[in-house]
């Protein structure tokens, strides 16, 4: 959600970009309930203007 908001995109924007009929997949991605397919992950990184790692890697506390 943070990356999406930083990119100035709404859930509806992503839904339209991926051609989804409903926004449930986007919400599942945001809530960590599901991961995008590899193809969708590449597209998501491009839309959000971030690296794939930025989407997949959770912020780890400093050791």
PDB file of N, CA and C in Angstrom:
ATOM      1  N   UNK A   1       0.825  -1.179   0.000  1.00  0.00           N
ATOM      2  CA  UNK A   1       0.000   0.000   0.000  1.00  0.00           C
ATOM      3  C   UNK A   1       0.880   1.258   0.000  1.00  0.00           C
ATOM      4  N   UNK A   2       1.943   1.212   0.790  1.00  0.00           N
ATOM      5  CA  UNK A   2       2.845   2.365   0.877  1.00  0.00           C
ATOM      6  C   UNK A   2       3.461   2.673  -0.491  1.00  0.00           C
ATOM      7  N   UNK A   3       3.936   1.657  -1.182  1.00  0.00           N
ATOM      8  CA  UNK A   3       4.545   1.868  -2.501  1.00  0.00           C
ATOM      9  C   UNK A   3       3.520   2.400  -3.495  1.00  0.00           C
ATOM     10  N   UNK A   4       2.309   1.868  -3.431  1.00  0.00           N
ATOM     11  CA  UNK A   4       1.245   2.316  -4.334  1.00  0.00           C
ATOM     12  C   UNK A   4       0.923   3.780  -4.082  1.00  0.00           C
ATOM     13  N   UNK A   5       0.783   4.140  -2.812  1.00  0.00           N
ATOM     14  CA  UNK A   5       0.460   5.523  -2.477  1.00  0.00           C
ATOM     15  C   UNK A   5       1.603   6.460  -2.843  1.00  0.00           C
ATOM     16  N   UNK A   6       2.841   6.016  -2.617  1.00  0.00           N
ATOM     17  CA  UNK A   6       4.003   6.837  -2.984  1.00  0.00           C
ATOM     18  C   UNK A   6       4.049   7.103  -4.480  1.00  0.00           C
ATOM     19  N   UNK A   7       3.536   6.149  -5.269  1.00  0.00           N
ATOM     20  CA  UNK A   7       3.505   6.305  -6.723  1.00  0.00           C
ATOM     21  C   UNK A   7       2.296   7.122  -7.179  1.00  0.00           C
ATOM     22  N   UNK A   8       1.420   7.489  -6.231  1.00  0.00           N
ATOM     23  CA  UNK A   8       0.248   8.282  -6.579  1.00  0.00           C
ATOM     24  C   UNK A   8      -0.822   7.494  -7.298  1.00  0.00           C
ATOM     25  N   UNK A   9      -0.858   6.185  -7.051  1.00  0.00           N
ATOM     26  CA  UNK A   9      -1.821   5.315  -7.728  1.00  0.00           C
ATOM     27  C   UNK A   9      -2.880   4.822  -6.743  1.00  0.00           C
ATOM     28  N   UNK A  10      -4.088   4.654  -7.248  1.00  0.00           N
ATOM     29  CA  UNK A  10      -5.164   4.089  -6.441  1.00  0.00           C
ATOM     30  C   UNK A  10      -5.288   2.599  -6.753  1.00  0.00           C
ATOM     31  N   UNK A  11      -6.055   1.912  -5.936  1.00  0.00           N
ATOM     32  CA  UNK A  11      -6.331   0.498  -6.198  1.00  0.00           C
ATOM     33  C   UNK A  11      -7.019   0.371  -7.558  1.00  0.00           C
ATOM     34  N   UNK A  12      -7.922   1.296  -7.859  1.00  0.00           N
ATOM     35  CA  UNK A  12      -8.617   1.263  -9.163  1.00  0.00           C
ATOM     36  C   UNK A  12      -7.639   1.449 -10.319  1.00  0.00           C
ATOM     37  N   UNK A  13      -6.613   2.277 -10.116  1.00  0.00           N
ATOM     38  CA  UNK A  13      -5.593   2.468 -11.154  1.00  0.00           C
ATOM     39  C   UNK A  13      -4.892   1.138 -11.452  1.00  0.00           C
ATOM     40  N   UNK A  14      -4.490   0.431 -10.388  1.00  0.00           N
ATOM     41  CA  UNK A  14      -3.808  -0.856 -10.578  1.00  0.00           C
ATOM     42  C   UNK A  14      -4.756  -1.883 -11.181  1.00  0.00           C
ATOM     43  N   UNK A  15      -5.987  -1.884 -10.721  1.00  0.00           N
ATOM     44  CA  UNK A  15      -6.989  -2.806 -11.261  1.00  0.00           C
ATOM     45  C   UNK A  15      -7.127  -2.608 -12.769  1.00  0.00           C
ATOM     46  N   UNK A  16      -7.206  -1.363 -13.193  1.00  0.00           N
ATOM     47  CA  UNK A  16      -7.332  -1.064 -14.620  1.00  0.00           C
ATOM     48  C   UNK A  16      -6.068  -1.450 -15.379  1.00  0.00           C
ATOM     49  N   UNK A  17      -4.903  -1.166 -14.799  1.00  0.00           N
ATOM     50  CA  UNK A  17      -3.636  -1.471 -15.474  1.00  0.00           C
ATOM     51  C   UNK A  17      -3.469  -2.962 -15.717  1.00  0.00           C
ATOM     52  N   UNK A  18      -3.943  -3.776 -14.766  1.00  0.00           N
ATOM     53  CA  UNK A  18      -3.810  -5.227 -14.908  1.00  0.00           C
ATOM     54  C   UNK A  18      -5.020  -5.867 -15.569  1.00  0.00           C
ATOM     55  N   UNK A  19      -6.066  -5.096 -15.815  1.00  0.00           N
ATOM     56  CA  UNK A  19      -7.252  -5.615 -16.482  1.00  0.00           C
ATOM     57  C   UNK A  19      -8.075  -6.542 -15.613  1.00  0.00           C
ATOM     58  N   UNK A  20      -7.994  -6.348 -14.296  1.00  0.00           N
ATOM     59  CA  UNK A  20      -8.779  -7.175 -13.387  1.00  0.00           C
ATOM     60  C   UNK A  20     -10.220  -6.671 -13.353  1.00  0.00           C
ATOM     61  N   UNK A  21     -11.165  -7.604 -13.246  1.00  0.00           N
ATOM     62  CA  UNK A  21     -12.575  -7.235 -13.150  1.00  0.00           C
ATOM     63  C   UNK A  21     -12.923  -6.693 -11.770  1.00  0.00           C
ATOM     64  N   UNK A  22     -12.200  -7.135 -10.764  1.00  0.00           N
ATOM     65  CA  UNK A  22     -12.460  -6.729  -9.386  1.00  0.00           C
ATOM     66  C   UNK A  22     -11.120  -6.440  -8.697  1.00  0.00           C
ATOM     67  N   UNK A  23     -11.125  -5.648  -7.635  1.00  0.00           N
ATOM     68  CA  UNK A  23      -9.878  -5.247  -6.988  1.00  0.00           C
ATOM     69  C   UNK A  23      -9.347  -6.230  -5.936  1.00  0.00           C
ATOM     70  N   UNK A  24     -10.004  -7.360  -5.735  1.00  0.00           N
ATOM     71  CA  UNK A  24      -9.618  -8.271  -4.654  1.00  0.00           C
ATOM     72  C   UNK A  24      -8.153  -8.687  -4.713  1.00  0.00           C
ATOM     73  N   UNK A  25      -7.621  -8.955  -5.885  1.00  0.00           N
ATOM     74  CA  UNK A  25      -6.220  -9.379  -6.001  1.00  0.00           C
ATOM     75  C   UNK A  25      -5.285  -8.294  -5.480  1.00  0.00           C
ATOM     76  N   UNK A  26      -5.578  -7.051  -5.794  1.00  0.00           N
ATOM     77  CA  UNK A  26      -4.742  -5.939  -5.336  1.00  0.00           C
ATOM     78  C   UNK A  26      -4.759  -5.873  -3.810  1.00  0.00           C
ATOM     79  N   UNK A  27      -5.953  -5.993  -3.224  1.00  0.00           N
ATOM     80  CA  UNK A  27      -6.062  -5.952  -1.766  1.00  0.00           C
ATOM     81  C   UNK A  27      -5.326  -7.122  -1.122  1.00  0.00           C
ATOM     82  N   UNK A  28      -5.384  -8.299  -1.748  1.00  0.00           N
ATOM     83  CA  UNK A  28      -4.665  -9.463  -1.217  1.00  0.00           C
ATOM     84  C   UNK A  28      -3.158  -9.232  -1.276  1.00  0.00           C
ATOM     85  N   UNK A  29      -2.670  -8.621  -2.337  1.00  0.00           N
ATOM     86  CA  UNK A  29      -1.241  -8.301  -2.431  1.00  0.00           C
ATOM     87  C   UNK A  29      -0.861  -7.347  -1.311  1.00  0.00           C
ATOM     88  N   UNK A  30      -1.660  -6.302  -1.136  1.00  0.00           N
ATOM     89  CA  UNK A  30      -1.356  -5.289  -0.121  1.00  0.00           C
ATOM     90  C   UNK A  30      -1.354  -5.861   1.290  1.00  0.00           C
ATOM     91  N   UNK A  31      -2.252  -6.796   1.546  1.00  0.00           N
ATOM     92  CA  UNK A  31      -2.397  -7.372   2.885  1.00  0.00           C
ATOM     93  C   UNK A  31      -1.489  -8.570   3.117  1.00  0.00           C
ATOM     94  N   UNK A  32      -0.689  -8.938   2.118  1.00  0.00           N
ATOM     95  CA  UNK A  32       0.219 -10.068   2.264  1.00  0.00           C
ATOM     96  C   UNK A  32      -0.474 -11.412   2.239  1.00  0.00           C
ATOM     97  N   UNK A  33      -1.693 -11.450   1.742  1.00  0.00           N
ATOM     98  CA  UNK A  33      -2.453 -12.700   1.660  1.00  0.00           C
ATOM     99  C   UNK A  33      -2.121 -13.490   0.402  1.00  0.00           C
ATOM    100  N   UNK A  34      -1.546 -12.821  -0.589  1.00  0.00           N
ATOM    101  CA  UNK A  34      -1.177 -13.463  -1.854  1.00  0.00           C
ATOM    102  C   UNK A  34      -0.053 -12.651  -2.481  1.00  0.00           C
ATOM    103  N   UNK A  35       0.692 -13.295  -3.357  1.00  0.00           N
ATOM    104  CA  UNK A  35       1.741 -12.612  -4.121  1.00  0.00           C
ATOM    105  C   UNK A  35       1.321 -12.529  -5.583  1.00  0.00           C
ATOM    106  N   UNK A  36       1.726 -11.460  -6.256  1.00  0.00           N
ATOM    107  CA  UNK A  36       1.445 -11.381  -7.692  1.00  0.00           C
ATOM    108  C   UNK A  36       2.227 -12.464  -8.441  1.00  0.00           C
ATOM    109  N   UNK A  37       1.719 -12.839  -9.596  1.00  0.00           N
ATOM    110  CA  UNK A  37       2.473 -13.748 -10.454  1.00  0.00           C
ATOM    111  C   UNK A  37       3.745 -13.022 -10.876  1.00  0.00           C
ATOM    112  N   UNK A  38       4.688 -13.746 -11.416  1.00  0.00           N
ATOM    113  CA  UNK A  38       5.945 -13.129 -11.850  1.00  0.00           C
ATOM    114  C   UNK A  38       5.666 -12.038 -12.888  1.00  0.00           C
ATOM    115  N   UNK A  39       4.802 -12.324 -13.840  1.00  0.00           N
ATOM    116  CA  UNK A  39       4.473 -11.319 -14.861  1.00  0.00           C
ATOM    117  C   UNK A  39       3.860 -10.075 -14.228  1.00  0.00           C
ATOM    118  N   UNK A  40       2.929 -10.273 -13.286  1.00  0.00           N
ATOM    119  CA  UNK A  40       2.298  -9.138 -12.626  1.00  0.00           C
ATOM    120  C   UNK A  40       3.286  -8.400 -11.727  1.00  0.00           C
ATOM    121  N   UNK A  41       4.216  -9.132 -11.140  1.00  0.00           N
ATOM    122  CA  UNK A  41       5.226  -8.517 -10.288  1.00  0.00           C
ATOM    123  C   UNK A  41       6.117  -7.578 -11.101  1.00  0.00           C
ATOM    124  N   UNK A  42       6.498  -8.000 -12.280  1.00  0.00           N
ATOM    125  CA  UNK A  42       7.312  -7.164 -13.169  1.00  0.00           C
ATOM    126  C   UNK A  42       6.532  -5.909 -13.560  1.00  0.00           C
ATOM    127  N   UNK A  43       5.273  -6.087 -13.919  1.00  0.00           N
ATOM    128  CA  UNK A  43       4.436  -4.942 -14.276  1.00  0.00           C
ATOM    129  C   UNK A  43       4.213  -4.015 -13.098  1.00  0.00           C
ATOM    130  N   UNK A  44       4.014  -4.587 -11.925  1.00  0.00           N
ATOM    131  CA  UNK A  44       3.794  -3.791 -10.720  1.00  0.00           C
ATOM    132  C   UNK A  44       5.022  -2.945 -10.387  1.00  0.00           C
ATOM    133  N   UNK A  45       6.192  -3.552 -10.491  1.00  0.00           N
ATOM    134  CA  UNK A  45       7.430  -2.812 -10.240  1.00  0.00           C
ATOM    135  C   UNK A  45       7.563  -1.647 -11.227  1.00  0.00           C
ATOM    136  N   UNK A  46       7.230  -1.881 -12.475  1.00  0.00           N
ATOM    137  CA  UNK A  46       7.307  -0.814 -13.481  1.00  0.00           C
ATOM    138  C   UNK A  46       6.311   0.301 -13.179  1.00  0.00           C
ATOM    139  N   UNK A  47       5.083  -0.068 -12.828  1.00  0.00           N
ATOM    140  CA  UNK A  47       4.066   0.937 -12.516  1.00  0.00           C
ATOM    141  C   UNK A  47       4.423   1.756 -11.279  1.00  0.00           C
ATOM    142  N   UNK A  48       4.988   1.082 -10.281  1.00  0.00           N
ATOM    143  CA  UNK A  48       5.327   1.758  -9.034  1.00  0.00           C
ATOM    144  C   UNK A  48       6.693   2.444  -9.100  1.00  0.00           C
ATOM    145  N   UNK A  49       7.429   2.164 -10.184  1.00  0.00           N
ATOM    146  CA  UNK A  49       8.775   2.719 -10.386  1.00  0.00           C
ATOM    147  C   UNK A  49       9.711   2.346  -9.247  1.00  0.00           C
ATOM    148  N   UNK A  50       9.679   1.051  -8.906  1.00  0.00           N
ATOM    149  CA  UNK A  50      10.556   0.499  -7.869  1.00  0.00           C
ATOM    150  C   UNK A  50      11.161  -0.798  -8.384  1.00  0.00           C
ATOM    151  N   UNK A  51      12.134  -1.318  -7.644  1.00  0.00           N
ATOM    152  CA  UNK A  51      12.709  -2.621  -7.988  1.00  0.00           C
ATOM    153  C   UNK A  51      11.806  -3.717  -7.448  1.00  0.00           C
ATOM    154  N   UNK A  52      11.863  -4.878  -8.053  1.00  0.00           N
ATOM    155  CA  UNK A  52      11.085  -6.026  -7.566  1.00  0.00           C
ATOM    156  C   UNK A  52      11.437  -6.311  -6.116  1.00  0.00           C
ATOM    157  N   UNK A  53      12.708  -6.175  -5.760  1.00  0.00           N
ATOM    158  CA  UNK A  53      13.134  -6.387  -4.372  1.00  0.00           C
ATOM    159  C   UNK A  53      12.385  -5.474  -3.407  1.00  0.00           C
ATOM    160  N   UNK A  54      12.097  -4.255  -3.840  1.00  0.00           N
ATOM    161  CA  UNK A  54      11.389  -3.310  -2.976  1.00  0.00           C
ATOM    162  C   UNK A  54       9.981  -3.800  -2.655  1.00  0.00           C
ATOM    163  N   UNK A  55       9.414  -4.593  -3.534  1.00  0.00           N
ATOM    164  CA  UNK A  55       8.075  -5.135  -3.322  1.00  0.00           C
ATOM    165  C   UNK A  55       8.136  -6.383  -2.453  1.00  0.00           C
ATOM    166  N   UNK A  56       9.110  -7.232  -2.716  1.00  0.00           N
ATOM    167  CA  UNK A  56       9.173  -8.543  -2.056  1.00  0.00           C
ATOM    168  C   UNK A  56       9.872  -8.558  -0.710  1.00  0.00           C
ATOM    169  N   UNK A  57      10.867  -7.717  -0.528  1.00  0.00           N
ATOM    170  CA  UNK A  57      11.693  -7.775   0.686  1.00  0.00           C
ATOM    171  C   UNK A  57      11.054  -6.924   1.769  1.00  0.00           C
ATOM    172  N   UNK A  58      10.807  -7.550   2.901  1.00  0.00           N
ATOM    173  CA  UNK A  58      10.262  -6.838   4.044  1.00  0.00           C
ATOM    174  C   UNK A  58      11.386  -6.081   4.734  1.00  0.00           C
ATOM    175  N   UNK A  59      11.062  -4.949   5.286  1.00  0.00           N
ATOM    176  CA  UNK A  59      12.061  -4.200   6.051  1.00  0.00           C
ATOM    177  C   UNK A  59      12.422  -5.002   7.293  1.00  0.00           C
ATOM    178  N   UNK A  60      13.687  -5.294   7.420  1.00  0.00           N
ATOM    179  CA  UNK A  60      14.189  -6.060   8.551  1.00  0.00           C
ATOM    180  C   UNK A  60      14.762  -5.093   9.575  1.00  0.00           C
ATOM    181  N   UNK A  61      14.507  -5.323  10.875  1.00  0.00           N
ATOM    182  CA  UNK A  61      15.129  -4.456  11.871  1.00  0.00           C
ATOM    183  C   UNK A  61      16.660  -4.637  11.852  1.00  0.00           C
ATOM    184  N   UNK A  62      17.365  -3.588  12.168  1.00  0.00           N
ATOM    185  CA  UNK A  62      18.820  -3.638  12.179  1.00  0.00           C
ATOM    186  C   UNK A  62      19.285  -4.648  13.227  1.00  0.00           C
ATOM    187  N   UNK A  63      20.325  -5.395  12.894  1.00  0.00           N
ATOM    188  CA  UNK A  63      20.839  -6.434  13.810  1.00  0.00           C
ATOM    189  C   UNK A  63      21.722  -5.834  14.868  1.00  0.00           C
TER     190      UNK A  63
END
